[in-house]
Amino acid sequence: MFLILQRVIKNQKIMLERQVLKDQQGTPMGVFIPMQSWNSLIFQYPDIEALDTELPQWEKDFIDKRLDLAQCHPERLKPLEMLLKTL
């Protein structure tokens, strides 16, 4: 769920108070999100807790096919910035 939270934070420019927990060597080991920040996030994205659910097999198959196509035809891939400019 942390990767999903990171995407939400980056895409929506949410100010989310968080602390990175590190071990004695300074290696990041986890993230602490205060309850007030978490509650605010849940209010803005009520389905966020359901994001841990397993994808249905048909959706996994669809994603696998898309990834195979991208790997077989890398020349078709375009930067996201180009798409956003055309919209």
N, C-alpha and C. Protein backbone atom coordinates (compact mmCIF):
# COMPACT_ATOMS: atom_id res chain seq x y z
N MET A 1 0.83 -1.19 0.00
CA MET A 1 0.00 0.00 0.00
C MET A 1 0.87 1.25 0.00
N PHE A 2 2.10 1.16 0.50
CA PHE A 2 2.95 2.34 0.57
C PHE A 2 3.24 2.90 -0.81
N LEU A 3 3.49 2.04 -1.81
CA LEU A 3 3.74 2.54 -3.16
C LEU A 3 2.52 3.27 -3.70
N ILE A 4 1.35 2.74 -3.40
CA ILE A 4 0.12 3.41 -3.84
C ILE A 4 0.00 4.76 -3.16
N LEU A 5 0.30 4.83 -1.87
CA LEU A 5 0.26 6.11 -1.16
C LEU A 5 1.24 7.09 -1.76
N GLN A 6 2.44 6.60 -2.12
CA GLN A 6 3.42 7.49 -2.73
C GLN A 6 2.88 8.08 -4.03
N ARG A 7 2.22 7.25 -4.85
CA ARG A 7 1.66 7.75 -6.11
C ARG A 7 0.56 8.76 -5.84
N VAL A 8 -0.29 8.48 -4.89
CA VAL A 8 -1.36 9.43 -4.55
C VAL A 8 -0.75 10.74 -4.10
N ILE A 9 0.26 10.68 -3.25
CA ILE A 9 0.90 11.89 -2.73
C ILE A 9 1.53 12.69 -3.87
N LYS A 10 2.27 12.02 -4.76
CA LYS A 10 2.93 12.72 -5.86
C LYS A 10 1.94 13.27 -6.86
N ASN A 11 0.92 12.48 -7.20
CA ASN A 11 -0.03 12.90 -8.23
C ASN A 11 -0.96 14.01 -7.75
N GLN A 12 -1.32 14.02 -6.50
CA GLN A 12 -2.30 14.97 -6.01
C GLN A 12 -1.68 16.10 -5.19
N LYS A 13 -0.39 16.07 -5.01
CA LYS A 13 0.32 17.11 -4.24
C LYS A 13 -0.27 17.25 -2.84
N ILE A 14 -0.54 16.13 -2.20
CA ILE A 14 -1.10 16.13 -0.85
C ILE A 14 0.03 16.38 0.14
N MET A 15 -0.24 17.23 1.11
CA MET A 15 0.72 17.43 2.18
C MET A 15 0.44 16.37 3.25
N LEU A 16 1.25 15.35 3.28
CA LEU A 16 1.06 14.25 4.20
C LEU A 16 2.23 14.22 5.17
N GLU A 17 1.92 14.47 6.42
CA GLU A 17 2.95 14.42 7.44
C GLU A 17 3.32 12.96 7.66
N ARG A 18 4.60 12.65 7.54
CA ARG A 18 5.06 11.28 7.73
C ARG A 18 6.49 11.28 8.24
N GLN A 19 6.86 10.18 8.88
CA GLN A 19 8.21 10.02 9.39
C GLN A 19 8.76 8.72 8.85
N VAL A 20 9.98 8.75 8.35
CA VAL A 20 10.64 7.54 7.89
C VAL A 20 11.40 6.96 9.07
N LEU A 21 11.11 5.71 9.38
CA LEU A 21 11.78 5.02 10.48
C LEU A 21 13.02 4.33 9.93
N LYS A 22 14.16 4.53 10.59
CA LYS A 22 15.43 3.97 10.11
C LYS A 22 16.06 3.09 11.18
N ASP A 23 16.87 2.14 10.71
CA ASP A 23 17.59 1.29 11.66
C ASP A 23 18.86 2.01 12.12
N GLN A 24 19.70 1.32 12.88
CA GLN A 24 20.90 1.95 13.45
C GLN A 24 21.89 2.38 12.37
N GLN A 25 21.84 1.75 11.21
CA GLN A 25 22.74 2.13 10.11
C GLN A 25 22.16 3.24 9.23
N GLY A 26 20.96 3.65 9.54
CA GLY A 26 20.32 4.71 8.77
C GLY A 26 19.52 4.21 7.57
N THR A 27 19.34 2.90 7.47
CA THR A 27 18.57 2.32 6.37
C THR A 27 17.08 2.48 6.64
N PRO A 28 16.32 3.05 5.69
CA PRO A 28 14.88 3.18 5.90
C PRO A 28 14.23 1.81 6.11
N MET A 29 13.42 1.70 7.16
CA MET A 29 12.78 0.42 7.49
C MET A 29 11.26 0.50 7.47
N GLY A 30 10.70 1.70 7.52
CA GLY A 30 9.26 1.83 7.55
C GLY A 30 8.85 3.28 7.55
N VAL A 31 7.55 3.49 7.54
CA VAL A 31 7.00 4.84 7.53
C VAL A 31 5.91 4.92 8.59
N PHE A 32 5.93 5.99 9.33
CA PHE A 32 4.91 6.26 10.33
C PHE A 32 4.08 7.44 9.85
N ILE A 33 2.77 7.24 9.78
CA ILE A 33 1.84 8.30 9.39
C ILE A 33 0.95 8.59 10.59
N PRO A 34 0.99 9.82 11.12
CA PRO A 34 0.14 10.14 12.26
C PRO A 34 -1.34 9.94 11.91
N MET A 35 -2.14 9.59 12.91
CA MET A 35 -3.56 9.31 12.70
C MET A 35 -4.30 10.48 12.05
N GLN A 36 -3.99 11.69 12.43
CA GLN A 36 -4.67 12.85 11.85
C GLN A 36 -4.42 12.91 10.34
N SER A 37 -3.19 12.66 9.90
CA SER A 37 -2.88 12.65 8.47
C SER A 37 -3.58 11.48 7.78
N TRP A 38 -3.55 10.30 8.43
CA TRP A 38 -4.19 9.13 7.85
C TRP A 38 -5.70 9.35 7.69
N ASN A 39 -6.35 9.90 8.71
CA ASN A 39 -7.78 10.17 8.64
C ASN A 39 -8.11 11.17 7.53
N SER A 40 -7.26 12.15 7.36
CA SER A 40 -7.45 13.12 6.29
C SER A 40 -7.34 12.44 4.93
N LEU A 41 -6.37 11.55 4.79
CA LEU A 41 -6.18 10.82 3.55
C LEU A 41 -7.37 9.92 3.25
N ILE A 42 -7.88 9.23 4.26
CA ILE A 42 -9.04 8.36 4.09
C ILE A 42 -10.27 9.19 3.71
N PHE A 43 -10.40 10.37 4.27
CA PHE A 43 -11.54 11.23 3.93
C PHE A 43 -11.49 11.63 2.45
N GLN A 44 -10.29 11.94 1.95
CA GLN A 44 -10.15 12.35 0.55
C GLN A 44 -10.27 11.16 -0.40
N TYR A 45 -9.83 9.98 0.04
CA TYR A 45 -9.83 8.77 -0.79
C TYR A 45 -10.47 7.63 0.00
N PRO A 46 -11.80 7.58 0.09
CA PRO A 46 -12.47 6.61 0.96
C PRO A 46 -12.19 5.15 0.61
N ASP A 47 -11.83 4.85 -0.62
CA ASP A 47 -11.57 3.46 -1.00
C ASP A 47 -10.11 3.04 -0.85
N ILE A 48 -9.29 3.89 -0.28
CA ILE A 48 -7.85 3.60 -0.23
C ILE A 48 -7.53 2.32 0.55
N GLU A 49 -8.31 2.01 1.55
CA GLU A 49 -8.04 0.80 2.32
C GLU A 49 -8.38 -0.46 1.54
N ALA A 50 -9.19 -0.34 0.52
CA ALA A 50 -9.55 -1.50 -0.31
C ALA A 50 -8.48 -1.79 -1.37
N LEU A 51 -7.45 -0.97 -1.44
CA LEU A 51 -6.43 -1.15 -2.46
C LEU A 51 -5.52 -2.35 -2.20
N ASP A 52 -5.63 -2.96 -1.04
CA ASP A 52 -4.83 -4.14 -0.73
C ASP A 52 -5.43 -5.41 -1.31
N THR A 53 -6.63 -5.33 -1.85
CA THR A 53 -7.29 -6.52 -2.34
C THR A 53 -6.58 -7.06 -3.58
N GLU A 54 -6.66 -8.35 -3.75
CA GLU A 54 -6.04 -9.03 -4.88
C GLU A 54 -6.76 -8.65 -6.18
N LEU A 55 -5.99 -8.45 -7.24
CA LEU A 55 -6.58 -8.18 -8.54
C LEU A 55 -7.23 -9.46 -9.07
N PRO A 56 -8.35 -9.34 -9.77
CA PRO A 56 -8.94 -10.53 -10.39
C PRO A 56 -8.02 -11.05 -11.50
N GLN A 57 -8.11 -12.33 -11.78
CA GLN A 57 -7.21 -12.96 -12.75
C GLN A 57 -7.32 -12.33 -14.14
N TRP A 58 -8.53 -11.95 -14.55
CA TRP A 58 -8.69 -11.34 -15.87
C TRP A 58 -7.91 -10.04 -15.98
N GLU A 59 -7.83 -9.31 -14.86
CA GLU A 59 -7.10 -8.04 -14.87
C GLU A 59 -5.60 -8.28 -14.91
N LYS A 60 -5.14 -9.29 -14.17
CA LYS A 60 -3.72 -9.67 -14.23
C LYS A 60 -3.33 -10.10 -15.64
N ASP A 61 -4.20 -10.89 -16.28
CA ASP A 61 -3.92 -11.35 -17.65
C ASP A 61 -3.85 -10.18 -18.61
N PHE A 62 -4.76 -9.21 -18.45
CA PHE A 62 -4.76 -8.02 -19.29
C PHE A 62 -3.46 -7.24 -19.13
N ILE A 63 -3.03 -7.06 -17.90
CA ILE A 63 -1.79 -6.32 -17.62
C ILE A 63 -0.60 -7.07 -18.21
N ASP A 64 -0.58 -8.39 -18.04
CA ASP A 64 0.53 -9.20 -18.60
C ASP A 64 0.60 -9.05 -20.11
N LYS A 65 -0.56 -9.07 -20.78
CA LYS A 65 -0.57 -8.90 -22.24
C LYS A 65 -0.02 -7.54 -22.64
N ARG A 66 -0.43 -6.50 -21.91
CA ARG A 66 0.06 -5.15 -22.22
C ARG A 66 1.57 -5.04 -22.01
N LEU A 67 2.06 -5.67 -20.94
CA LEU A 67 3.50 -5.64 -20.69
C LEU A 67 4.27 -6.41 -21.76
N ASP A 68 3.72 -7.54 -22.20
CA ASP A 68 4.35 -8.31 -23.28
C ASP A 68 4.41 -7.48 -24.57
N LEU A 69 3.31 -6.80 -24.89
CA LEU A 69 3.30 -5.95 -26.08
C LEU A 69 4.34 -4.83 -25.99
N ALA A 70 4.44 -4.23 -24.83
CA ALA A 70 5.41 -3.15 -24.63
C ALA A 70 6.84 -3.67 -24.77
N GLN A 71 7.08 -4.88 -24.30
CA GLN A 71 8.43 -5.46 -24.39
C GLN A 71 8.75 -5.85 -25.84
N CYS A 72 7.76 -6.35 -26.57
CA CYS A 72 7.97 -6.76 -27.96
C CYS A 72 8.08 -5.57 -28.92
N HIS A 73 7.46 -4.46 -28.58
CA HIS A 73 7.42 -3.28 -29.46
C HIS A 73 7.78 -2.01 -28.68
N PRO A 74 9.03 -1.91 -28.20
CA PRO A 74 9.40 -0.73 -27.41
C PRO A 74 9.33 0.59 -28.19
N GLU A 75 9.37 0.49 -29.52
CA GLU A 75 9.31 1.71 -30.34
C GLU A 75 7.93 2.39 -30.24
N ARG A 76 6.93 1.64 -29.80
CA ARG A 76 5.59 2.22 -29.65
C ARG A 76 5.43 3.01 -28.36
N LEU A 77 6.35 2.86 -27.43
CA LEU A 77 6.24 3.55 -26.15
C LEU A 77 6.60 5.02 -26.32
N LYS A 78 5.82 5.86 -25.73
CA LYS A 78 6.04 7.31 -25.77
C LYS A 78 6.05 7.84 -24.35
N PRO A 79 6.80 8.91 -24.11
CA PRO A 79 6.81 9.51 -22.78
C PRO A 79 5.42 10.03 -22.39
N LEU A 80 5.09 9.94 -21.14
CA LEU A 80 3.80 10.41 -20.64
C LEU A 80 3.61 11.89 -20.93
N GLU A 81 4.68 12.66 -20.89
CA GLU A 81 4.57 14.09 -21.15
C GLU A 81 3.98 14.38 -22.52
N MET A 82 4.32 13.53 -23.52
CA MET A 82 3.77 13.73 -24.87
C MET A 82 2.25 13.52 -24.86
N LEU A 83 1.80 12.51 -24.16
CA LEU A 83 0.36 12.26 -24.07
C LEU A 83 -0.35 13.42 -23.38
N LEU A 84 0.21 13.89 -22.30
CA LEU A 84 -0.43 14.97 -21.55
C LEU A 84 -0.51 16.24 -22.38
N LYS A 85 0.49 16.48 -23.23
CA LYS A 85 0.45 17.68 -24.08
C LYS A 85 -0.65 17.60 -25.12
N THR A 86 -0.95 16.39 -25.59
CA THR A 86 -1.99 16.24 -26.61
C THR A 86 -3.39 16.31 -26.04
N LEU A 87 -3.53 16.11 -24.73
CA LEU A 87 -4.87 16.13 -24.13
C LEU A 87 -5.36 17.51 -23.90
